[in-house]
Amino acid sequence: LAVDEPEWLRRAASQWGLPAPRPELRVIVP
């Protein structure tokens, strides 16, 4: 589309780049 990278996309990359919290929990997602 030849536009600048959206600001929300940069924020998403930054947020999800943070370390995963501990302790781990076992999960099921139906």
Full PDB file with SEQRES, HELIX, SHEET, SSBOND, CRYST1, ORIGX, SCALE, CONECT and MASTER records, all heavy atoms in Angstrom:
SEQRES   1 A   30  LEU ALA VAL ASP GLU PRO GLU TRP LEU ARG ARG ALA ALA          
SEQRES   2 A   30  SER GLN TRP GLY LEU PRO ALA PRO ARG PRO GLU LEU ARG          
SEQRES   3 A   30  VAL ILE VAL PRO                                              
HELIX    1 AA1 GLU A    7  TRP A   16  1                                  10    
CRYST1    1.000    1.000    1.000  90.00  90.00  90.00 P 1           1          
ORIGX1      1.000000  0.000000  0.000000        0.00000                         
ORIGX2      0.000000  1.000000  0.000000        0.00000                         
ORIGX3      0.000000  0.000000  1.000000        0.00000                         
SCALE1      1.000000  0.000000  0.000000        0.00000                         
SCALE2      0.000000  1.000000  0.000000        0.00000                         
SCALE3      0.000000  0.000000  1.000000        0.00000                         
ATOM      1  N   LEU A   1       0.808  -1.224   0.000  1.00  0.00           N  
ATOM      2  CA  LEU A   1       0.000   0.000   0.000  1.00  0.00           C  
ATOM      3  C   LEU A   1       0.839   1.271   0.000  1.00  0.00           C  
ATOM      4  O   LEU A   1       0.309   2.365  -0.197  1.00  0.00           O  
ATOM      5  CB  LEU A   1      -0.955  -0.006   1.193  1.00  0.00           C  
ATOM      6  CG  LEU A   1      -1.962  -1.168   1.205  1.00  0.00           C  
ATOM      7  CD1 LEU A   1      -2.788  -1.146   2.476  1.00  0.00           C  
ATOM      8  CD2 LEU A   1      -2.851  -1.137  -0.021  1.00  0.00           C  
ATOM      9  N   ALA A   2       2.137   1.129   0.245  1.00  0.00           N  
ATOM     10  CA  ALA A   2       3.091   2.246   0.161  1.00  0.00           C  
ATOM     11  C   ALA A   2       2.740   3.397   1.105  1.00  0.00           C  
ATOM     12  O   ALA A   2       2.699   4.566   0.712  1.00  0.00           O  
ATOM     13  CB  ALA A   2       3.194   2.749  -1.275  1.00  0.00           C  
ATOM     14  N   VAL A   3       2.465   3.050   2.382  1.00  0.00           N  
ATOM     15  CA  VAL A   3       2.260   4.070   3.415  1.00  0.00           C  
ATOM     16  C   VAL A   3       3.238   3.791   4.558  1.00  0.00           C  
ATOM     17  O   VAL A   3       3.870   2.731   4.614  1.00  0.00           O  
ATOM     18  CB  VAL A   3       0.812   4.071   3.941  1.00  0.00           C  
ATOM     19  CG1 VAL A   3      -0.160   4.445   2.822  1.00  0.00           C  
ATOM     20  CG2 VAL A   3       0.443   2.729   4.562  1.00  0.00           C  
ATOM     21  N   ASP A   4       3.354   4.737   5.462  1.00  0.00           N  
ATOM     22  CA  ASP A   4       4.238   4.542   6.606  1.00  0.00           C  
ATOM     23  C   ASP A   4       3.711   3.421   7.507  1.00  0.00           C  
ATOM     24  O   ASP A   4       2.498   3.169   7.572  1.00  0.00           O  
ATOM     25  CB  ASP A   4       4.343   5.830   7.423  1.00  0.00           C  
ATOM     26  CG  ASP A   4       5.076   6.935   6.681  1.00  0.00           C  
ATOM     27  OD1 ASP A   4       5.862   6.609   5.759  1.00  0.00           O  
ATOM     28  OD2 ASP A   4       4.857   8.116   7.016  1.00  0.00           O  
ATOM     29  N   GLU A   5       4.624   2.778   8.217  1.00  0.00           N  
ATOM     30  CA  GLU A   5       4.210   1.762   9.176  1.00  0.00           C  
ATOM     31  C   GLU A   5       3.289   2.393  10.212  1.00  0.00           C  
ATOM     32  O   GLU A   5       3.626   3.410  10.816  1.00  0.00           O  
ATOM     33  CB  GLU A   5       5.436   1.159   9.871  1.00  0.00           C  
ATOM     34  CG  GLU A   5       5.086   0.068  10.862  1.00  0.00           C  
ATOM     35  CD  GLU A   5       6.323  -0.548  11.504  1.00  0.00           C  
ATOM     36  OE1 GLU A   5       7.449  -0.336  10.988  1.00  0.00           O  
ATOM     37  OE2 GLU A   5       6.170  -1.241  12.522  1.00  0.00           O  
ATOM     38  N   PRO A   6       2.114   1.821  10.429  1.00  0.00           N  
ATOM     39  CA  PRO A   6       1.166   2.415  11.382  1.00  0.00           C  
ATOM     40  C   PRO A   6       1.728   2.478  12.799  1.00  0.00           C  
ATOM     41  O   PRO A   6       2.451   1.568  13.226  1.00  0.00           O  
ATOM     42  CB  PRO A   6      -0.040   1.477  11.307  1.00  0.00           C  
ATOM     43  CG  PRO A   6       0.099   0.736  10.026  1.00  0.00           C  
ATOM     44  CD  PRO A   6       1.573   0.622   9.775  1.00  0.00           C  
ATOM     45  N   GLU A   7       1.344   3.527  13.503  1.00  0.00           N  
ATOM     46  CA  GLU A   7       1.816   3.690  14.874  1.00  0.00           C  
ATOM     47  C   GLU A   7       1.310   2.555  15.761  1.00  0.00           C  
ATOM     48  O   GLU A   7       2.023   2.077  16.646  1.00  0.00           O  
ATOM     49  CB  GLU A   7       1.351   5.048  15.408  1.00  0.00           C  
ATOM     50  CG  GLU A   7       1.949   5.434  16.757  1.00  0.00           C  
ATOM     51  CD  GLU A   7       1.146   4.907  17.925  1.00  0.00           C  
ATOM     52  OE1 GLU A   7      -0.063   4.636  17.748  1.00  0.00           O  
ATOM     53  OE2 GLU A   7       1.717   4.749  19.021  1.00  0.00           O  
ATOM     54  N   TRP A   8       0.071   2.091  15.530  1.00  0.00           N  
ATOM     55  CA  TRP A   8      -0.466   0.995  16.333  1.00  0.00           C  
ATOM     56  C   TRP A   8       0.330  -0.292  16.120  1.00  0.00           C  
ATOM     57  O   TRP A   8       0.452  -1.111  17.039  1.00  0.00           O  
ATOM     58  CB  TRP A   8      -1.945   0.760  16.037  1.00  0.00           C  
ATOM     59  CG  TRP A   8      -2.294   0.434  14.612  1.00  0.00           C  
ATOM     60  CD1 TRP A   8      -2.786   1.283  13.669  1.00  0.00           C  
ATOM     61  CD2 TRP A   8      -2.176  -0.847  13.959  1.00  0.00           C  
ATOM     62  NE1 TRP A   8      -2.983   0.628  12.478  1.00  0.00           N  
ATOM     63  CE2 TRP A   8      -2.629  -0.675  12.626  1.00  0.00           C  
ATOM     64  CE3 TRP A   8      -1.758  -2.100  14.376  1.00  0.00           C  
ATOM     65  CZ2 TRP A   8      -2.660  -1.725  11.698  1.00  0.00           C  
ATOM     66  CZ3 TRP A   8      -1.775  -3.150  13.446  1.00  0.00           C  
ATOM     67  CH2 TRP A   8      -2.224  -2.954  12.141  1.00  0.00           C  
ATOM     68  N   LEU A   9       0.900  -0.469  14.930  1.00  0.00           N  
ATOM     69  CA  LEU A   9       1.694  -1.653  14.653  1.00  0.00           C  
ATOM     70  C   LEU A   9       3.027  -1.595  15.398  1.00  0.00           C  
ATOM     71  O   LEU A   9       3.491  -2.601  15.943  1.00  0.00           O  
ATOM     72  CB  LEU A   9       1.916  -1.787  13.146  1.00  0.00           C  
ATOM     73  CG  LEU A   9       2.630  -3.045  12.647  1.00  0.00           C  
ATOM     74  CD1 LEU A   9       1.954  -4.308  13.146  1.00  0.00           C  
ATOM     75  CD2 LEU A   9       2.689  -3.048  11.122  1.00  0.00           C  
ATOM     76  N   ARG A  10       3.608  -0.424  15.471  1.00  0.00           N  
ATOM     77  CA  ARG A  10       4.850  -0.271  16.240  1.00  0.00           C  
ATOM     78  C   ARG A  10       4.595  -0.515  17.727  1.00  0.00           C  
ATOM     79  O   ARG A  10       5.403  -1.167  18.408  1.00  0.00           O  
ATOM     80  CB  ARG A  10       5.435   1.127  16.026  1.00  0.00           C  
ATOM     81  CG  ARG A  10       5.980   1.364  14.610  1.00  0.00           C  
ATOM     82  CD  ARG A  10       6.828   2.624  14.549  1.00  0.00           C  
ATOM     83  NE  ARG A  10       6.049   3.817  14.835  1.00  0.00           N  
ATOM     84  CZ  ARG A  10       5.414   4.529  13.914  1.00  0.00           C  
ATOM     85  NH1 ARG A  10       5.462   4.165  12.642  1.00  0.00           N  
ATOM     86  NH2 ARG A  10       4.744   5.616  14.246  1.00  0.00           N  
ATOM     87  N   ARG A  11       3.466   0.003  18.238  1.00  0.00           N  
ATOM     88  CA  ARG A  11       3.140  -0.219  19.651  1.00  0.00           C  
ATOM     89  C   ARG A  11       2.881  -1.693  19.931  1.00  0.00           C  
ATOM     90  O   ARG A  11       3.285  -2.212  20.984  1.00  0.00           O  
ATOM     91  CB  ARG A  11       1.922   0.612  20.053  1.00  0.00           C  
ATOM     92  CG  ARG A  11       2.219   2.089  20.276  1.00  0.00           C  
ATOM     93  CD  ARG A  11       1.064   2.792  20.949  1.00  0.00           C  
ATOM     94  NE  ARG A  11      -0.072   2.940  20.065  1.00  0.00           N  
ATOM     95  CZ  ARG A  11      -1.292   2.465  20.316  1.00  0.00           C  
ATOM     96  NH1 ARG A  11      -1.521   1.770  21.417  1.00  0.00           N  
ATOM     97  NH2 ARG A  11      -2.280   2.656  19.465  1.00  0.00           N  
ATOM     98  N   ALA A  12       2.224  -2.373  19.011  1.00  0.00           N  
ATOM     99  CA  ALA A  12       1.957  -3.794  19.193  1.00  0.00           C  
ATOM    100  C   ALA A  12       3.257  -4.592  19.261  1.00  0.00           C  
ATOM    101  O   ALA A  12       3.434  -5.458  20.128  1.00  0.00           O  
ATOM    102  CB  ALA A  12       1.083  -4.309  18.054  1.00  0.00           C  
ATOM    103  N   ALA A  13       4.186  -4.293  18.362  1.00  0.00           N  
ATOM    104  CA  ALA A  13       5.471  -4.996  18.359  1.00  0.00           C  
ATOM    105  C   ALA A  13       6.216  -4.754  19.661  1.00  0.00           C  
ATOM    106  O   ALA A  13       6.836  -5.673  20.221  1.00  0.00           O  
ATOM    107  CB  ALA A  13       6.301  -4.546  17.166  1.00  0.00           C  
ATOM    108  N   SER A  14       6.155  -3.532  20.168  1.00  0.00           N  
ATOM    109  CA  SER A  14       6.831  -3.206  21.418  1.00  0.00           C  
ATOM    110  C   SER A  14       6.200  -3.937  22.603  1.00  0.00           C  
ATOM    111  O   SER A  14       6.903  -4.524  23.437  1.00  0.00           O  
ATOM    112  CB  SER A  14       6.793  -1.694  21.651  1.00  0.00           C  
ATOM    113  OG  SER A  14       7.343  -1.358  22.896  1.00  0.00           O  
ATOM    114  N   GLN A  15       4.875  -3.921  22.675  1.00  0.00           N  
ATOM    115  CA  GLN A  15       4.173  -4.564  23.785  1.00  0.00           C  
ATOM    116  C   GLN A  15       4.423  -6.066  23.826  1.00  0.00           C  
ATOM    117  O   GLN A  15       4.737  -6.635  24.871  1.00  0.00           O  
ATOM    118  CB  GLN A  15       2.672  -4.290  23.676  1.00  0.00           C  
ATOM    119  CG  GLN A  15       2.253  -2.915  24.146  1.00  0.00           C  
ATOM    120  CD  GLN A  15       2.413  -2.768  25.654  1.00  0.00           C  
ATOM    121  OE1 GLN A  15       1.871  -3.559  26.429  1.00  0.00           O  
ATOM    122  NE2 GLN A  15       3.182  -1.776  26.070  1.00  0.00           N  
ATOM    123  N   TRP A  16       4.303  -6.715  22.683  1.00  0.00           N  
ATOM    124  CA  TRP A  16       4.431  -8.165  22.656  1.00  0.00           C  
ATOM    125  C   TRP A  16       5.881  -8.631  22.660  1.00  0.00           C  
ATOM    126  O   TRP A  16       6.155  -9.827  22.771  1.00  0.00           O  
ATOM    127  CB  TRP A  16       3.683  -8.738  21.461  1.00  0.00           C  
ATOM    128  CG  TRP A  16       2.195  -8.656  21.651  1.00  0.00           C  
ATOM    129  CD1 TRP A  16       1.345  -7.724  21.154  1.00  0.00           C  
ATOM    130  CD2 TRP A  16       1.394  -9.544  22.439  1.00  0.00           C  
ATOM    131  NE1 TRP A  16       0.054  -7.964  21.571  1.00  0.00           N  
ATOM    132  CE2 TRP A  16       0.059  -9.089  22.350  1.00  0.00           C  
ATOM    133  CE3 TRP A  16       1.665 -10.693  23.206  1.00  0.00           C  
ATOM    134  CZ2 TRP A  16      -0.997  -9.732  23.008  1.00  0.00           C  
ATOM    135  CZ3 TRP A  16       0.622 -11.331  23.842  1.00  0.00           C  
ATOM    136  CH2 TRP A  16      -0.686 -10.854  23.748  1.00  0.00           C  
ATOM    137  N   GLY A  17       6.802  -7.694  22.584  1.00  0.00           N  
ATOM    138  CA  GLY A  17       8.207  -8.035  22.720  1.00  0.00           C  
ATOM    139  C   GLY A  17       8.665  -8.114  24.163  1.00  0.00           C  
ATOM    140  O   GLY A  17       9.800  -8.511  24.445  1.00  0.00           O  
ATOM    141  N   LEU A  18       7.787  -7.739  25.114  1.00  0.00           N  
ATOM    142  CA  LEU A  18       8.130  -7.800  26.532  1.00  0.00           C  
ATOM    143  C   LEU A  18       8.221  -9.256  26.997  1.00  0.00           C  
ATOM    144  O   LEU A  18       7.584 -10.146  26.426  1.00  0.00           O  
ATOM    145  CB  LEU A  18       7.078  -7.052  27.355  1.00  0.00           C  
ATOM    146  CG  LEU A  18       6.968  -5.550  27.099  1.00  0.00           C  
ATOM    147  CD1 LEU A  18       5.756  -4.969  27.839  1.00  0.00           C  
ATOM    148  CD2 LEU A  18       8.244  -4.840  27.519  1.00  0.00           C  
ATOM    149  N   PRO A  19       9.007  -9.529  28.031  1.00  0.00           N  
ATOM    150  CA  PRO A  19       9.152 -10.912  28.510  1.00  0.00           C  
ATOM    151  C   PRO A  19       7.821 -11.494  28.979  1.00  0.00           C  
ATOM    152  O   PRO A  19       6.965 -10.780  29.510  1.00  0.00           O  
ATOM    153  CB  PRO A  19      10.134 -10.783  29.685  1.00  0.00           C  
ATOM    154  CG  PRO A  19      10.815  -9.471  29.490  1.00  0.00           C  
ATOM    155  CD  PRO A  19       9.842  -8.580  28.798  1.00  0.00           C  
ATOM    156  N   ALA A  20       7.656 -12.785  28.792  1.00  0.00           N  
ATOM    157  CA  ALA A  20       6.455 -13.466  29.268  1.00  0.00           C  
ATOM    158  C   ALA A  20       6.472 -13.535  30.786  1.00  0.00           C  
ATOM    159  O   ALA A  20       7.519 -13.791  31.393  1.00  0.00           O  
ATOM    160  CB  ALA A  20       6.390 -14.877  28.690  1.00  0.00           C  
ATOM    161  N   PRO A  21       5.350 -13.286  31.436  1.00  0.00           N  
ATOM    162  CA  PRO A  21       5.302 -13.337  32.909  1.00  0.00           C  
ATOM    163  C   PRO A  21       5.462 -14.762  33.419  1.00  0.00           C  
ATOM    164  O   PRO A  21       5.226 -15.730  32.711  1.00  0.00           O  
ATOM    165  CB  PRO A  21       3.924 -12.768  33.237  1.00  0.00           C  
ATOM    166  CG  PRO A  21       3.120 -12.961  32.004  1.00  0.00           C  
ATOM    167  CD  PRO A  21       4.065 -12.884  30.848  1.00  0.00           C  
ATOM    168  N   ARG A  22       5.868 -14.860  34.651  1.00  0.00           N  
ATOM    169  CA  ARG A  22       6.033 -16.129  35.336  1.00  0.00           C  
ATOM    170  C   ARG A  22       5.215 -16.088  36.637  1.00  0.00           C  
ATOM    171  O   ARG A  22       4.932 -15.014  37.137  1.00  0.00           O  
ATOM    172  CB  ARG A  22       7.521 -16.383  35.657  1.00  0.00           C  
ATOM    173  CG  ARG A  22       8.379 -16.564  34.415  1.00  0.00           C  
ATOM    174  CD  ARG A  22       8.062 -17.902  33.724  1.00  0.00           C  
ATOM    175  NE  ARG A  22       8.949 -18.160  32.602  1.00  0.00           N  
ATOM    176  CZ  ARG A  22       8.691 -17.819  31.350  1.00  0.00           C  
ATOM    177  NH1 ARG A  22       7.573 -17.172  31.058  1.00  0.00           N  
ATOM    178  NH2 ARG A  22       9.534 -18.121  30.383  1.00  0.00           N  
ATOM    179  N   PRO A  23       4.821 -17.219  37.188  1.00  0.00           N  
ATOM    180  CA  PRO A  23       5.094 -18.578  36.715  1.00  0.00           C  
ATOM    181  C   PRO A  23       4.208 -18.942  35.532  1.00  0.00           C  
ATOM    182  O   PRO A  23       3.183 -18.303  35.283  1.00  0.00           O  
ATOM    183  CB  PRO A  23       4.756 -19.426  37.929  1.00  0.00           C  
ATOM    184  CG  PRO A  23       3.672 -18.664  38.612  1.00  0.00           C  
ATOM    185  CD  PRO A  23       4.034 -17.222  38.440  1.00  0.00           C  
ATOM    186  N   GLU A  24       4.612 -19.970  34.803  1.00  0.00           N  
ATOM    187  CA  GLU A  24       3.800 -20.449  33.702  1.00  0.00           C  
ATOM    188  C   GLU A  24       2.544 -21.149  34.230  1.00  0.00           C  
ATOM    189  O   GLU A  24       2.567 -21.785  35.283  1.00  0.00           O  
ATOM    190  CB  GLU A  24       4.603 -21.420  32.828  1.00  0.00           C  
ATOM    191  CG  GLU A  24       5.732 -20.762  32.056  1.00  0.00           C  
ATOM    192  CD  GLU A  24       6.429 -21.721  31.135  1.00  0.00           C  
ATOM    193  OE1 GLU A  24       6.456 -22.929  31.437  1.00  0.00           O  
ATOM    194  OE2 GLU A  24       6.966 -21.279  30.107  1.00  0.00           O  
ATOM    195  N   LEU A  25       1.476 -21.032  33.484  1.00  0.00           N  
ATOM    196  CA  LEU A  25       0.221 -21.706  33.804  1.00  0.00           C  
ATOM    197  C   LEU A  25      -0.179 -22.587  32.625  1.00  0.00           C  
ATOM    198  O   LEU A  25      -0.028 -22.199  31.470  1.00  0.00           O  
ATOM    199  CB  LEU A  25      -0.893 -20.689  34.079  1.00  0.00           C  
ATOM    200  CG  LEU A  25      -0.687 -19.699  35.217  1.00  0.00           C  
ATOM    201  CD1 LEU A  25      -1.827 -18.683  35.242  1.00  0.00           C  
ATOM    202  CD2 LEU A  25      -0.599 -20.426  36.547  1.00  0.00           C  
ATOM    203  N   ARG A  26      -0.697 -23.766  32.928  1.00  0.00           N  
ATOM    204  CA  ARG A  26      -1.176 -24.671  31.885  1.00  0.00           C  
ATOM    205  C   ARG A  26      -2.600 -24.258  31.503  1.00  0.00           C  
ATOM    206  O   ARG A  26      -3.469 -24.121  32.370  1.00  0.00           O  
ATOM    207  CB  ARG A  26      -1.144 -26.124  32.372  1.00  0.00           C  
ATOM    208  CG  ARG A  26       0.269 -26.664  32.492  1.00  0.00           C  
ATOM    209  CD  ARG A  26       0.290 -28.021  33.189  1.00  0.00           C  
ATOM    210  NE  ARG A  26      -0.592 -29.003  32.579  1.00  0.00           N  
ATOM    211  CZ  ARG A  26      -0.298 -29.725  31.501  1.00  0.00           C  
ATOM    212  NH1 ARG A  26       0.894 -29.583  30.919  1.00  0.00           N  
ATOM    213  NH2 ARG A  26      -1.158 -30.606  31.006  1.00  0.00           N  
ATOM    214  N   VAL A  27      -2.822 -24.074  30.202  1.00  0.00           N  
ATOM    215  CA  VAL A  27      -4.088 -23.519  29.748  1.00  0.00           C  
ATOM    216  C   VAL A  27      -4.701 -24.354  28.626  1.00  0.00           C  
ATOM    217  O   VAL A  27      -3.975 -24.995  27.851  1.00  0.00           O  
ATOM    218  CB  VAL A  27      -3.893 -22.053  29.274  1.00  0.00           C  
ATOM    219  CG1 VAL A  27      -3.057 -22.014  27.994  1.00  0.00           C  
ATOM    220  CG2 VAL A  27      -5.230 -21.354  29.056  1.00  0.00           C  
ATOM    221  N   ILE A  28      -6.023 -24.349  28.572  1.00  0.00           N  
ATOM    222  CA  ILE A  28      -6.780 -24.905  27.457  1.00  0.00           C  
ATOM    223  C   ILE A  28      -7.672 -23.797  26.921  1.00  0.00           C  
ATOM    224  O   ILE A  28      -8.294 -23.049  27.693  1.00  0.00           O  
ATOM    225  CB  ILE A  28      -7.634 -26.116  27.886  1.00  0.00           C  
ATOM    226  CG1 ILE A  28      -6.740 -27.279  28.326  1.00  0.00           C  
ATOM    227  CG2 ILE A  28      -8.561 -26.568  26.755  1.00  0.00           C  
ATOM    228  CD1 ILE A  28      -7.506 -28.443  28.933  1.00  0.00           C  
ATOM    229  N   VAL A  29      -7.739 -23.682  25.589  1.00  0.00           N  
ATOM    230  CA  VAL A  29      -8.580 -22.658  24.965  1.00  0.00           C  
ATOM    231  C   VAL A  29      -9.567 -23.332  24.015  1.00  0.00           C  
ATOM    232  O   VAL A  29      -9.255 -23.582  22.847  1.00  0.00           O  
ATOM    233  CB  VAL A  29      -7.734 -21.616  24.211  1.00  0.00           C  
ATOM    234  CG1 VAL A  29      -8.636 -20.516  23.654  1.00  0.00           C  
ATOM    235  CG2 VAL A  29      -6.676 -21.012  25.121  1.00  0.00           C  
ATOM    236  N   PRO A  30     -10.769 -23.631  24.476  1.00  0.00           N  
ATOM    237  CA  PRO A  30     -11.795 -24.145  23.562  1.00  0.00           C  
ATOM    238  C   PRO A  30     -12.245 -23.046  22.598  1.00  0.00           C  
ATOM    239  O   PRO A  30     -12.347 -21.871  22.978  1.00  0.00           O  
ATOM    240  CB  PRO A  30     -12.941 -24.558  24.497  1.00  0.00           C  
ATOM    241  CG  PRO A  30     -12.317 -24.676  25.858  1.00  0.00           C  
ATOM    242  CD  PRO A  30     -11.225 -23.644  25.875  1.00  0.00           C  
TER     243      PRO A  30                                                      
MASTER        0    0    0    1    0    0    0    6  242    1    0    3          
END                                                                             
